[in-house]
Amino acid sequence: MAMTVGFDWGNNEVKVAGPIGLDKFSSQIGEYTERNLESQHGKDDMVFEYKGRKGFAGTLALESDFGGAIMGDTKAHEDALIRVLLGLHRYSNSAEYNIIVGQPIAKHTPGEKQAIKEMIEGRHTIVVNDKVRTFTIKRCEVAAEGGAAFWSAPCDGMVRIIDVGSATVNCASIINKKYLNKDSFTLSFGMNTIRNHDLTELARGIARETSKRWKKGDKVLLVGGIAEQLAEPIRAHYPHAEIIKPVLKEGNGMKIVKPIYANAVGFYNIGRATYGEQRFSN
């Protein structure tokens, strides 16, 4: 049986949600180099090999001259694929997966989604820290980043979502559980691409763009790792702004998790609806 997993493959951290819980690791990828002093930089140190490419990933990418994450408004590139394969290698020993990944709203187009699906679906062999894993990704679907977070804690009525990532801010509008395309968009800046990290100014910059379509009295949900810090600055522009509270179904129970996992949990819930319910144990 294929395991369903949701992937938020962000440029700062990869977040994974599935039937046996959550995982999170650094998105950084770099070239492999021989090391005279093999220091451990963190629990996410990874040496990988995939299709003849050998490199450092996670916290170990600090050792690479060209380590980092490819920014931009699309995930249709090999580094993003490697993030998925690293995540599946870490997450479980399943031989088959069905996954949901995200794409920024601005590039959530048929062509981009098809390119991502073709890149991901199929049989893959990857070596991570000398452990070889071969698995098949039977199906991959692509959901809209930010908007998908709604499905981590769905509700009725009109909801605006602000999802501040490392390279983009996804702004989604949902009314009665349906996307409102004309009021959903991606802003081309994020926490790792701005020079001024004053959250009051960041909130002002977001409001400057969103207020062209959104109203001050709208219900706004804040998503991501910066959600808790951004709440008060955003409330100066949207007084009803709240921090999202994602609900993860794990085993036979439900639990509220941190807002940084909202997209991953949303993707997983979309996967559960798309691929069907499953039962796995840790």
Protein backbone atom coordinates (compact mmCIF):
# COMPACT_ATOMS: atom_id res chain seq x y z
CA MET A 1 0.00 0.00 0.00
CA ALA A 2 1.34 3.43 -0.95
CA MET A 3 1.80 5.86 1.95
CA THR A 4 0.33 9.35 1.54
CA VAL A 5 2.65 12.19 2.54
CA GLY A 6 2.36 15.99 2.33
CA PHE A 7 5.51 17.99 1.50
CA ASP A 8 6.11 21.66 2.15
CA TRP A 9 9.46 21.81 0.32
CA GLY A 10 10.33 25.39 1.26
CA ASN A 11 13.61 27.15 0.55
CA ASN A 12 14.51 27.38 4.24
CA GLU A 13 13.14 24.16 5.71
CA VAL A 14 11.36 21.09 4.38
CA LYS A 15 8.29 20.13 6.40
CA VAL A 16 6.72 16.68 6.05
CA ALA A 17 3.33 15.47 7.33
CA GLY A 18 1.89 12.00 7.13
CA PRO A 19 0.19 9.17 8.99
CA ILE A 20 3.13 8.61 11.36
CA GLY A 21 3.68 12.24 12.29
CA LEU A 22 5.84 15.19 11.27
CA ASP A 23 9.42 15.80 10.20
CA LYS A 24 11.41 18.96 9.48
CA PHE A 25 14.92 19.58 8.17
CA SER A 26 17.06 22.27 6.55
CA SER A 27 16.51 22.75 2.80
CA GLN A 28 20.15 23.62 2.09
CA ILE A 29 21.93 21.60 -0.62
CA GLY A 30 25.54 21.89 -1.74
CA GLU A 31 28.33 20.12 -3.57
CA TYR A 32 30.35 17.34 -1.97
CA THR A 33 33.89 18.08 -0.78
CA GLU A 34 36.42 15.96 1.06
CA ARG A 35 36.78 17.05 4.69
CA ASN A 36 39.90 16.74 6.82
CA LEU A 37 37.93 17.66 9.92
CA GLU A 38 34.52 16.00 9.91
CA SER A 39 32.64 18.22 12.34
CA GLN A 40 28.95 17.61 12.93
CA HIS A 41 26.92 20.75 12.26
CA GLY A 42 23.52 19.44 13.32
CA LYS A 43 21.20 16.45 13.49
CA ASP A 44 20.26 17.05 9.86
CA ASP A 45 23.76 16.50 8.42
CA MET A 46 23.30 14.47 5.23
CA VAL A 47 25.61 13.19 2.51
CA PHE A 48 23.57 12.09 -0.51
CA GLU A 49 24.14 10.43 -3.87
CA TYR A 50 21.51 10.55 -6.61
CA LYS A 51 22.00 9.68 -10.30
CA GLY A 52 25.73 10.28 -10.13
CA ARG A 53 25.41 13.54 -8.19
CA LYS A 54 27.02 13.55 -4.76
CA GLY A 55 26.47 16.36 -2.32
CA PHE A 56 25.87 17.68 1.15
CA ALA A 57 22.37 18.43 2.37
CA GLY A 58 20.72 19.90 5.44
CA THR A 59 23.00 21.45 8.03
CA LEU A 60 26.05 19.80 6.42
CA ALA A 61 25.66 22.04 3.35
CA LEU A 62 27.43 24.71 5.42
CA GLU A 63 30.60 22.87 4.35
CA SER A 64 29.89 23.51 0.65
CA ASP A 65 31.24 26.54 -1.22
CA PHE A 66 27.99 26.74 -3.16
CA GLY A 67 25.57 25.47 -0.53
CA GLY A 68 22.16 27.03 -0.18
CA ALA A 69 18.69 26.90 -1.66
CA ILE A 70 17.52 27.93 -5.13
CA MET A 71 15.04 30.76 -4.61
CA GLY A 72 12.22 31.74 -6.94
CA ASP A 73 8.53 31.20 -7.62
CA THR A 74 8.75 27.66 -8.97
CA LYS A 75 9.81 24.30 -7.55
CA ALA A 76 10.36 22.62 -10.94
CA HIS A 77 14.09 22.00 -10.46
CA GLU A 78 16.32 19.13 -9.35
CA ASP A 79 17.19 20.56 -5.94
CA ALA A 80 13.49 20.48 -5.06
CA LEU A 81 13.28 16.84 -6.19
CA ILE A 82 16.25 15.98 -3.98
CA ARG A 83 14.48 17.61 -1.01
CA VAL A 84 11.53 15.28 -1.58
CA LEU A 85 13.74 12.19 -1.88
CA LEU A 86 15.66 13.13 1.26
CA GLY A 87 12.36 13.60 3.08
CA LEU A 88 10.97 10.23 2.00
CA HIS A 89 14.26 8.51 2.88
CA ARG A 90 14.02 9.98 6.39
CA TYR A 91 10.30 9.61 6.93
CA SER A 92 9.59 5.88 6.68
CA ASN A 93 10.64 2.57 5.14
CA SER A 94 7.69 2.42 2.75
CA ALA A 95 8.42 1.23 -0.78
CA GLU A 96 5.60 3.24 -2.38
CA TYR A 97 4.29 6.76 -1.85
CA ASN A 98 1.56 9.08 -3.04
CA ILE A 99 2.53 12.67 -2.32
CA ILE A 100 1.19 16.21 -2.44
CA VAL A 101 3.64 19.07 -2.93
CA GLY A 102 3.19 22.82 -3.24
CA GLN A 103 3.82 25.49 -5.83
CA PRO A 104 3.58 29.28 -5.30
CA ILE A 105 0.22 30.68 -6.43
CA ALA A 106 1.86 32.81 -9.14
CA LYS A 107 3.23 29.70 -10.88
CA HIS A 108 0.41 27.29 -10.02
CA THR A 109 -0.23 26.74 -13.73
CA PRO A 110 -0.96 23.55 -15.73
CA GLY A 111 2.46 23.61 -17.38
CA GLU A 112 4.41 24.08 -14.14
CA LYS A 113 2.35 21.45 -12.33
CA GLN A 114 2.90 18.93 -15.12
CA ALA A 115 6.65 19.58 -15.07
CA ILE A 116 6.74 18.92 -11.32
CA LYS A 117 4.69 15.72 -11.61
CA GLU A 118 6.89 14.35 -14.39
CA MET A 119 10.00 15.17 -12.36
CA ILE A 120 8.74 13.41 -9.22
CA GLU A 121 6.68 10.43 -10.27
CA GLY A 122 8.47 7.14 -10.82
CA ARG A 123 11.13 4.92 -9.27
CA HIS A 124 14.04 6.55 -7.45
CA THR A 125 17.18 5.27 -5.74
CA ILE A 126 19.01 7.60 -3.37
CA VAL A 127 21.84 7.03 -0.92
CA VAL A 128 21.77 9.10 2.28
CA ASN A 129 24.57 8.69 4.83
CA ASP A 130 25.53 5.37 3.20
CA LYS A 131 22.00 3.97 3.46
CA VAL A 132 20.51 3.00 0.09
CA ARG A 133 16.77 3.34 -0.41
CA THR A 134 14.73 2.59 -3.52
CA PHE A 135 11.08 3.58 -3.62
CA THR A 136 8.37 4.46 -6.12
CA ILE A 137 6.36 7.67 -6.09
CA LYS A 138 3.19 6.38 -7.71
CA ARG A 139 1.31 9.67 -7.80
CA CYS A 140 2.16 13.30 -7.23
CA GLU A 141 -0.33 16.15 -7.15
CA VAL A 142 0.55 19.85 -6.88
CA ALA A 143 -1.44 22.20 -4.64
CA ALA A 144 -1.19 25.96 -4.15
CA GLU A 145 1.14 27.05 -1.36
CA GLY A 146 -0.59 29.19 1.25
CA GLY A 147 -4.05 28.26 0.06
CA ALA A 148 -3.43 24.60 0.88
CA ALA A 149 -2.76 25.60 4.50
CA PHE A 150 -6.48 26.31 4.80
CA TRP A 151 -7.09 22.55 4.72
CA SER A 152 -5.02 22.10 7.87
CA ALA A 153 -7.86 23.83 9.78
CA PRO A 154 -10.82 24.35 7.40
CA CYS A 155 -13.71 26.65 8.28
CA ASP A 156 -16.70 28.27 6.59
CA GLY A 157 -17.04 31.78 5.19
CA MET A 158 -14.40 34.09 3.72
CA VAL A 159 -10.82 33.55 4.83
CA ARG A 160 -7.67 35.35 3.73
CA ILE A 161 -4.36 33.55 4.23
CA ILE A 162 -0.92 35.15 4.51
CA ASP A 163 1.94 32.67 4.21
CA VAL A 164 5.36 34.31 4.57
CA GLY A 165 8.07 32.08 3.20
CA SER A 166 11.78 32.55 2.70
CA ALA A 167 11.48 33.76 -0.91
CA THR A 168 7.79 34.63 -1.42
CA VAL A 169 4.61 35.61 0.39
CA ASN A 170 1.59 33.62 -0.76
CA CYS A 171 -1.71 35.42 -0.25
CA ALA A 172 -4.77 33.23 -0.73
CA SER A 173 -8.48 33.90 -0.53
CA ILE A 174 -11.02 31.16 0.15
CA ILE A 175 -14.78 31.55 0.36
CA ASN A 176 -16.94 28.68 1.57
CA LYS A 177 -14.03 26.27 1.02
CA LYS A 178 -13.44 27.33 -2.61
CA TYR A 179 -10.51 29.34 -3.93
CA LEU A 180 -11.19 32.91 -5.02
CA ASN A 181 -8.63 33.20 -7.80
CA LYS A 182 -8.89 36.95 -8.41
CA ASP A 183 -7.97 37.71 -4.79
CA SER A 184 -5.11 35.19 -4.55
CA PHE A 185 -1.55 36.03 -5.56
CA THR A 186 2.15 35.73 -4.72
CA LEU A 187 4.35 38.61 -3.55
CA SER A 188 7.92 38.39 -4.83
CA PHE A 189 9.70 38.82 -1.52
CA GLY A 190 10.25 36.71 1.58
CA MET A 191 12.19 36.59 4.84
CA ASN A 192 15.45 35.59 3.13
CA THR A 193 15.21 38.10 0.28
CA ILE A 194 14.49 41.36 2.14
CA ARG A 195 17.20 43.59 3.59
CA ASN A 196 15.10 45.08 6.38
CA HIS A 197 13.82 42.42 8.79
CA ASP A 198 11.69 44.81 10.83
CA LEU A 199 8.40 42.91 11.09
CA THR A 200 6.40 46.13 11.37
CA GLU A 201 7.73 47.17 7.97
CA LEU A 202 7.21 43.68 6.56
CA ALA A 203 3.57 43.78 7.68
CA ARG A 204 3.21 47.21 6.09
CA GLY A 205 4.69 45.90 2.84
CA ILE A 206 2.27 42.97 2.80
CA ALA A 207 -0.69 45.22 3.61
CA ARG A 208 0.34 47.68 0.91
CA GLU A 209 -0.25 44.95 -1.68
CA THR A 210 -3.09 42.93 -0.14
CA SER A 211 -5.20 45.99 0.70
CA LYS A 212 -5.67 46.60 -3.02
CA ARG A 213 -8.11 43.66 -2.95
CA TRP A 214 -8.74 42.77 0.70
CA LYS A 215 -10.73 44.69 3.32
CA LYS A 216 -9.52 45.71 6.78
CA GLY A 217 -12.31 43.74 8.48
CA ASP A 218 -11.54 40.45 6.70
CA LYS A 219 -10.65 37.32 8.64
CA VAL A 220 -6.94 36.67 8.08
CA LEU A 221 -5.01 33.52 8.99
CA LEU A 222 -1.23 33.70 9.39
CA VAL A 223 0.78 30.68 8.27
CA GLY A 224 4.38 29.56 8.64
CA GLY A 225 7.32 29.84 10.98
CA ILE A 226 7.03 33.62 11.29
CA ALA A 227 3.27 33.56 12.03
CA GLU A 228 3.50 34.11 15.79
CA GLN A 229 5.94 37.02 15.51
CA LEU A 230 4.02 38.64 12.67
CA ALA A 231 0.59 38.50 14.32
CA GLU A 232 0.69 41.82 16.16
CA PRO A 233 2.22 43.84 13.29
CA ILE A 234 -0.37 42.46 10.86
CA ARG A 235 -3.24 43.26 13.25
CA ALA A 236 -2.42 46.94 12.77
CA HIS A 237 -3.75 46.45 9.24
CA TYR A 238 -6.11 43.49 9.72
CA PRO A 239 -7.48 43.56 13.29
CA HIS A 240 -9.09 40.11 12.97
CA ALA A 241 -5.86 38.35 12.01
CA GLU A 242 -5.25 35.03 13.79
CA ILE A 243 -2.49 32.44 13.86
CA ILE A 244 -3.60 29.26 12.13
CA LYS A 245 -3.88 26.13 14.29
CA PRO A 246 -3.22 23.11 12.07
CA VAL A 247 -4.82 19.82 13.11
CA LEU A 248 -2.92 16.67 12.20
CA LYS A 249 -4.53 13.23 12.11
CA GLU A 250 -1.86 10.90 13.48
CA GLY A 251 -2.75 7.26 14.01
CA ASN A 252 -6.18 7.18 15.68
CA GLY A 253 -5.92 10.66 17.19
CA MET A 254 -5.91 14.35 16.26
CA LYS A 255 -3.51 16.96 17.57
CA ILE A 256 -2.86 20.67 17.07
CA VAL A 257 0.63 21.37 15.69
CA LYS A 258 2.72 24.49 15.14
CA PRO A 259 1.76 26.91 12.31
CA ILE A 260 5.03 26.20 10.51
CA TYR A 261 3.50 22.83 9.55
CA ALA A 262 0.25 24.30 8.17
CA ASN A 263 1.07 23.79 4.49
CA ALA A 264 2.46 20.28 5.03
CA VAL A 265 -0.62 19.25 7.03
CA GLY A 266 -2.87 20.89 4.45
CA PHE A 267 -1.13 18.95 1.68
CA TYR A 268 -1.48 15.74 3.67
CA ASN A 269 -5.20 16.33 4.22
CA ILE A 270 -5.64 17.00 0.50
CA GLY A 271 -3.80 13.72 -0.10
CA ARG A 272 -6.07 11.84 2.29
CA ALA A 273 -9.08 13.14 0.37
CA THR A 274 -7.48 12.41 -3.01
CA TYR A 275 -5.88 9.03 -2.38
CA GLY A 276 -8.08 7.69 0.43
CA GLU A 277 -7.60 6.96 4.13
CA GLN A 278 -4.80 4.64 5.22
CA ARG A 279 -3.46 3.20 8.45
CA PHE A 280 0.23 3.01 9.23
CA SER A 281 2.09 2.71 12.52
CA ASN A 282 5.41 4.13 13.59
